Structure formats: C-alpha cells, structure tokens
Amino acid sequence: MIGGRRVEVVYRIELDPSRDGGASETLEVGDRGVDVTAGRAFLVDLTAATPAYRQPAVPLPVLPKLGTTGEVEQLVEVILKDLEAQDTEIRAFLR
C-alpha cells in the first residue's frame, strides 16, 4: 500500500532446470504485463482514480552485493540522483 492505495507488482522468473537455456521473466504492473526489456523503472501516479503507470526508458545500474540496510539506502540515493539527471519527467515526479 502506498498512501492508502494498493499498487500491485508481480515479477516471475523461470529458470531452465538444465541451466543451458537461461531464464525467462515476466512482469506485471497493475493488471497489465510489461516488457522487461523496455526498462525496469516505473512511475506510478496515484492522483488519478485508477493508478497510472509509465515505464521510462532509462538504464539502471547492475546492483552490487549489499550487506546492510545502510548500503541499500545509499545505493537508492545514488540511483535516484542518476535517474533525475537522465529524465525530466522523472525529475519532476520525484520533487
């Protein structure tokens, strides 16, 4: 729940048991499937009667191994600043 509103995100990964074929992934935001190759950042507008989702085409970094909550929080701050610098709509959304 965000601001008393339900936001549903479903991520599934299916691994190839033989380990030769890699994995397949599916992602649903709200009640619609999205193309994970189009980006992994989403803006969710909760001001509308029905939450609206937008998937900006911005790259996200490869995540390092994180050991503490503090490390996660620091990385989130770095990623947010980077996203703000990449996209004007994200910058406006985060302010």
N, C-alpha and C. Protein backbone atom coordinates (compact mmCIF):
# COMPACT_ATOMS: atom_id res chain seq x y z
N MET A 1 0.85 -1.18 0.00
CA MET A 1 0.00 0.00 0.00
C MET A 1 0.90 1.24 0.00
N ILE A 2 0.52 2.18 -0.82
CA ILE A 2 1.21 3.46 -0.87
C ILE A 2 0.15 4.54 -0.71
N GLY A 3 0.26 5.34 0.33
CA GLY A 3 -0.73 6.37 0.55
C GLY A 3 -2.14 5.83 0.65
N GLY A 4 -2.29 4.63 1.19
CA GLY A 4 -3.60 4.01 1.32
C GLY A 4 -4.13 3.39 0.04
N ARG A 5 -3.34 3.44 -1.03
CA ARG A 5 -3.76 2.87 -2.32
C ARG A 5 -2.96 1.61 -2.60
N ARG A 6 -3.63 0.63 -3.16
CA ARG A 6 -2.96 -0.64 -3.48
C ARG A 6 -2.28 -0.53 -4.84
N VAL A 7 -1.01 -0.89 -4.86
CA VAL A 7 -0.23 -0.95 -6.10
C VAL A 7 0.33 -2.36 -6.19
N GLU A 8 -0.04 -3.06 -7.26
CA GLU A 8 0.37 -4.45 -7.37
C GLU A 8 1.43 -4.62 -8.45
N VAL A 9 2.53 -5.24 -8.07
CA VAL A 9 3.61 -5.57 -8.99
C VAL A 9 3.92 -7.05 -8.81
N VAL A 10 3.91 -7.79 -9.93
CA VAL A 10 4.19 -9.23 -9.88
C VAL A 10 5.37 -9.50 -10.80
N TYR A 11 6.43 -10.06 -10.23
CA TYR A 11 7.63 -10.42 -11.00
C TYR A 11 7.83 -11.92 -10.87
N ARG A 12 7.98 -12.57 -12.03
CA ARG A 12 8.22 -14.02 -12.02
C ARG A 12 9.46 -14.31 -12.87
N ILE A 13 10.24 -15.25 -12.37
CA ILE A 13 11.39 -15.71 -13.14
C ILE A 13 11.33 -17.23 -13.17
N GLU A 14 11.52 -17.77 -14.35
CA GLU A 14 11.52 -19.23 -14.51
C GLU A 14 12.90 -19.64 -15.00
N LEU A 15 13.55 -20.45 -14.20
CA LEU A 15 14.90 -20.91 -14.54
C LEU A 15 14.83 -22.20 -15.33
N ASP A 16 15.73 -22.35 -16.27
CA ASP A 16 15.84 -23.58 -17.05
C ASP A 16 16.54 -24.62 -16.17
N PRO A 17 15.87 -25.74 -15.88
CA PRO A 17 16.48 -26.75 -15.00
C PRO A 17 17.82 -27.27 -15.51
N SER A 18 18.01 -27.29 -16.81
CA SER A 18 19.29 -27.79 -17.34
C SER A 18 20.39 -26.74 -17.23
N ARG A 19 20.01 -25.50 -16.93
CA ARG A 19 20.95 -24.37 -16.81
C ARG A 19 21.61 -24.01 -18.13
N ASP A 20 21.09 -24.53 -19.23
CA ASP A 20 21.65 -24.21 -20.54
C ASP A 20 20.88 -23.08 -21.23
N GLY A 21 19.59 -22.95 -20.91
CA GLY A 21 18.73 -22.02 -21.63
C GLY A 21 18.51 -20.70 -20.96
N GLY A 22 19.13 -20.46 -19.82
CA GLY A 22 18.92 -19.20 -19.14
C GLY A 22 17.61 -19.17 -18.40
N ALA A 23 17.00 -18.00 -18.36
CA ALA A 23 15.77 -17.82 -17.61
C ALA A 23 14.79 -16.99 -18.43
N SER A 24 13.52 -17.12 -18.10
CA SER A 24 12.52 -16.24 -18.68
C SER A 24 11.90 -15.45 -17.54
N GLU A 25 11.56 -14.21 -17.80
CA GLU A 25 10.96 -13.39 -16.76
C GLU A 25 9.72 -12.70 -17.28
N THR A 26 8.76 -12.51 -16.39
CA THR A 26 7.56 -11.76 -16.70
C THR A 26 7.34 -10.76 -15.58
N LEU A 27 6.76 -9.63 -15.96
CA LEU A 27 6.49 -8.57 -15.00
C LEU A 27 5.12 -7.99 -15.29
N GLU A 28 4.33 -7.84 -14.25
CA GLU A 28 3.02 -7.20 -14.36
C GLU A 28 3.01 -6.01 -13.41
N VAL A 29 2.59 -4.87 -13.91
CA VAL A 29 2.43 -3.67 -13.09
C VAL A 29 0.97 -3.29 -13.23
N GLY A 30 0.29 -3.20 -12.09
CA GLY A 30 -1.16 -3.06 -12.15
C GLY A 30 -1.70 -4.38 -12.62
N ASP A 31 -2.55 -4.35 -13.60
CA ASP A 31 -3.09 -5.61 -14.12
C ASP A 31 -2.67 -5.86 -15.55
N ARG A 32 -1.54 -5.28 -15.96
CA ARG A 32 -1.08 -5.49 -17.33
C ARG A 32 0.38 -5.94 -17.35
N GLY A 33 0.68 -6.80 -18.31
CA GLY A 33 2.04 -7.25 -18.49
C GLY A 33 2.88 -6.15 -19.13
N VAL A 34 4.12 -6.08 -18.76
CA VAL A 34 5.03 -5.09 -19.34
C VAL A 34 6.26 -5.80 -19.88
N ASP A 35 6.90 -5.17 -20.84
CA ASP A 35 8.11 -5.71 -21.46
C ASP A 35 9.31 -5.35 -20.58
N VAL A 36 9.91 -6.34 -19.94
CA VAL A 36 11.04 -6.07 -19.04
C VAL A 36 12.26 -5.56 -19.79
N THR A 37 12.33 -5.80 -21.08
CA THR A 37 13.47 -5.30 -21.85
C THR A 37 13.34 -3.81 -22.15
N ALA A 38 12.15 -3.24 -21.93
CA ALA A 38 11.92 -1.82 -22.21
C ALA A 38 12.33 -0.93 -21.04
N GLY A 39 12.71 -1.52 -19.93
CA GLY A 39 13.14 -0.74 -18.76
C GLY A 39 12.57 -1.31 -17.48
N ARG A 40 13.27 -1.03 -16.40
CA ARG A 40 12.85 -1.57 -15.10
C ARG A 40 12.50 -0.47 -14.11
N ALA A 41 12.39 0.74 -14.61
CA ALA A 41 11.94 1.86 -13.77
C ALA A 41 10.48 2.15 -14.12
N PHE A 42 9.67 2.48 -13.12
CA PHE A 42 8.26 2.78 -13.32
C PHE A 42 7.87 3.98 -12.50
N LEU A 43 7.08 4.86 -13.11
CA LEU A 43 6.46 5.97 -12.39
C LEU A 43 5.01 5.58 -12.16
N VAL A 44 4.55 5.71 -10.94
CA VAL A 44 3.18 5.34 -10.59
C VAL A 44 2.47 6.59 -10.10
N ASP A 45 1.43 7.00 -10.83
CA ASP A 45 0.65 8.18 -10.48
C ASP A 45 -0.58 7.75 -9.69
N LEU A 46 -0.59 8.09 -8.42
CA LEU A 46 -1.69 7.71 -7.55
C LEU A 46 -2.72 8.82 -7.40
N THR A 47 -2.57 9.92 -8.15
CA THR A 47 -3.53 11.01 -8.04
C THR A 47 -4.79 10.75 -8.86
N ALA A 48 -4.73 9.85 -9.82
CA ALA A 48 -5.89 9.52 -10.65
C ALA A 48 -6.77 8.51 -9.92
N ALA A 49 -8.02 8.38 -10.38
CA ALA A 49 -8.94 7.41 -9.77
C ALA A 49 -8.38 6.00 -9.85
N THR A 50 -7.81 5.66 -11.00
CA THR A 50 -7.12 4.39 -11.19
C THR A 50 -5.64 4.69 -11.33
N PRO A 51 -4.76 4.06 -10.55
CA PRO A 51 -3.33 4.35 -10.67
C PRO A 51 -2.84 4.20 -12.11
N ALA A 52 -2.05 5.17 -12.55
CA ALA A 52 -1.49 5.14 -13.91
C ALA A 52 0.00 4.83 -13.80
N TYR A 53 0.49 4.01 -14.73
CA TYR A 53 1.86 3.56 -14.71
C TYR A 53 2.55 4.00 -16.00
N ARG A 54 3.80 4.46 -15.88
CA ARG A 54 4.59 4.77 -17.06
C ARG A 54 5.96 4.14 -16.88
N GLN A 55 6.52 3.62 -17.95
CA GLN A 55 7.79 2.91 -17.92
C GLN A 55 8.81 3.72 -18.75
N PRO A 56 9.54 4.64 -18.10
CA PRO A 56 10.52 5.42 -18.86
C PRO A 56 11.70 4.54 -19.28
N ALA A 57 12.23 4.82 -20.43
CA ALA A 57 13.36 4.03 -20.96
C ALA A 57 14.66 4.61 -20.44
N VAL A 58 14.98 4.30 -19.20
CA VAL A 58 16.23 4.75 -18.59
C VAL A 58 16.99 3.53 -18.07
N PRO A 59 18.29 3.52 -18.25
CA PRO A 59 19.06 2.38 -17.76
C PRO A 59 19.23 2.42 -16.24
N LEU A 60 19.25 1.26 -15.65
CA LEU A 60 19.54 1.12 -14.22
C LEU A 60 20.87 0.38 -14.08
N PRO A 61 21.62 0.68 -13.03
CA PRO A 61 22.92 0.03 -12.87
C PRO A 61 22.79 -1.43 -12.47
N VAL A 62 23.84 -2.18 -12.72
CA VAL A 62 23.93 -3.54 -12.19
C VAL A 62 24.12 -3.39 -10.68
N LEU A 63 23.36 -4.14 -9.93
CA LEU A 63 23.41 -3.99 -8.47
C LEU A 63 24.55 -4.80 -7.86
N PRO A 64 25.32 -4.16 -7.00
CA PRO A 64 26.38 -4.89 -6.30
C PRO A 64 25.77 -5.70 -5.15
N LYS A 65 26.56 -6.56 -4.57
CA LYS A 65 26.12 -7.29 -3.39
C LYS A 65 26.07 -6.28 -2.23
N LEU A 66 24.93 -6.25 -1.56
CA LEU A 66 24.73 -5.31 -0.46
C LEU A 66 24.53 -6.09 0.82
N GLY A 67 25.17 -5.63 1.89
CA GLY A 67 25.12 -6.39 3.13
C GLY A 67 24.30 -5.76 4.24
N THR A 68 24.03 -4.46 4.14
CA THR A 68 23.32 -3.80 5.23
C THR A 68 22.22 -2.89 4.68
N THR A 69 21.29 -2.55 5.54
CA THR A 69 20.24 -1.61 5.17
C THR A 69 20.84 -0.27 4.78
N GLY A 70 21.88 0.15 5.47
CA GLY A 70 22.54 1.41 5.15
C GLY A 70 23.11 1.41 3.74
N GLU A 71 23.70 0.30 3.32
CA GLU A 71 24.24 0.20 1.96
C GLU A 71 23.12 0.29 0.92
N VAL A 72 21.99 -0.33 1.22
CA VAL A 72 20.85 -0.26 0.31
C VAL A 72 20.36 1.18 0.21
N GLU A 73 20.22 1.85 1.34
CA GLU A 73 19.75 3.23 1.35
C GLU A 73 20.69 4.15 0.58
N GLN A 74 21.99 3.96 0.73
CA GLN A 74 22.97 4.77 -0.01
C GLN A 74 22.85 4.53 -1.51
N LEU A 75 22.70 3.28 -1.91
CA LEU A 75 22.58 2.97 -3.33
C LEU A 75 21.29 3.56 -3.91
N VAL A 76 20.21 3.50 -3.16
CA VAL A 76 18.95 4.09 -3.63
C VAL A 76 19.13 5.58 -3.90
N GLU A 77 19.81 6.28 -3.00
CA GLU A 77 20.04 7.72 -3.19
C GLU A 77 20.84 7.98 -4.47
N VAL A 78 21.87 7.19 -4.71
CA VAL A 78 22.69 7.34 -5.91
C VAL A 78 21.85 7.09 -7.16
N ILE A 79 21.05 6.04 -7.15
CA ILE A 79 20.22 5.70 -8.31
C ILE A 79 19.19 6.79 -8.57
N LEU A 80 18.54 7.29 -7.53
CA LEU A 80 17.55 8.35 -7.71
C LEU A 80 18.17 9.60 -8.32
N LYS A 81 19.33 10.00 -7.85
CA LYS A 81 20.01 11.18 -8.41
C LYS A 81 20.36 10.95 -9.87
N ASP A 82 20.80 9.75 -10.20
CA ASP A 82 21.14 9.42 -11.58
C ASP A 82 19.89 9.46 -12.46
N LEU A 83 18.78 8.90 -11.99
CA LEU A 83 17.54 8.91 -12.76
C LEU A 83 17.04 10.34 -12.98
N GLU A 84 17.14 11.18 -11.94
CA GLU A 84 16.74 12.58 -12.09
C GLU A 84 17.55 13.28 -13.18
N ALA A 85 18.82 12.96 -13.26
CA ALA A 85 19.68 13.59 -14.26
C ALA A 85 19.38 13.10 -15.68
N GLN A 86 18.83 11.90 -15.81
CA GLN A 86 18.58 11.31 -17.12
C GLN A 86 17.25 11.71 -17.75
N ASP A 87 16.23 12.04 -16.95
CA ASP A 87 14.88 12.17 -17.49
C ASP A 87 14.14 13.31 -16.79
N THR A 88 13.66 14.29 -17.56
CA THR A 88 12.98 15.44 -16.96
C THR A 88 11.66 15.04 -16.29
N GLU A 89 10.94 14.07 -16.85
CA GLU A 89 9.69 13.64 -16.22
C GLU A 89 9.96 12.96 -14.88
N ILE A 90 11.03 12.17 -14.81
CA ILE A 90 11.39 11.55 -13.53
C ILE A 90 11.78 12.63 -12.52
N ARG A 91 12.54 13.62 -12.98
CA ARG A 91 12.96 14.72 -12.08
C ARG A 91 11.72 15.42 -11.50
N ALA A 92 10.74 15.74 -12.34
CA ALA A 92 9.52 16.40 -11.88
C ALA A 92 8.72 15.48 -10.95
N PHE A 93 8.68 14.20 -11.26
CA PHE A 93 7.94 13.22 -10.48
C PHE A 93 8.51 13.11 -9.06
N LEU A 94 9.83 13.15 -8.93
CA LEU A 94 10.48 12.95 -7.64
C LEU A 94 10.48 14.18 -6.76
N ARG A 95 10.09 15.32 -7.31
CA ARG A 95 10.08 16.55 -6.50
C ARG A 95 8.75 16.85 -5.91
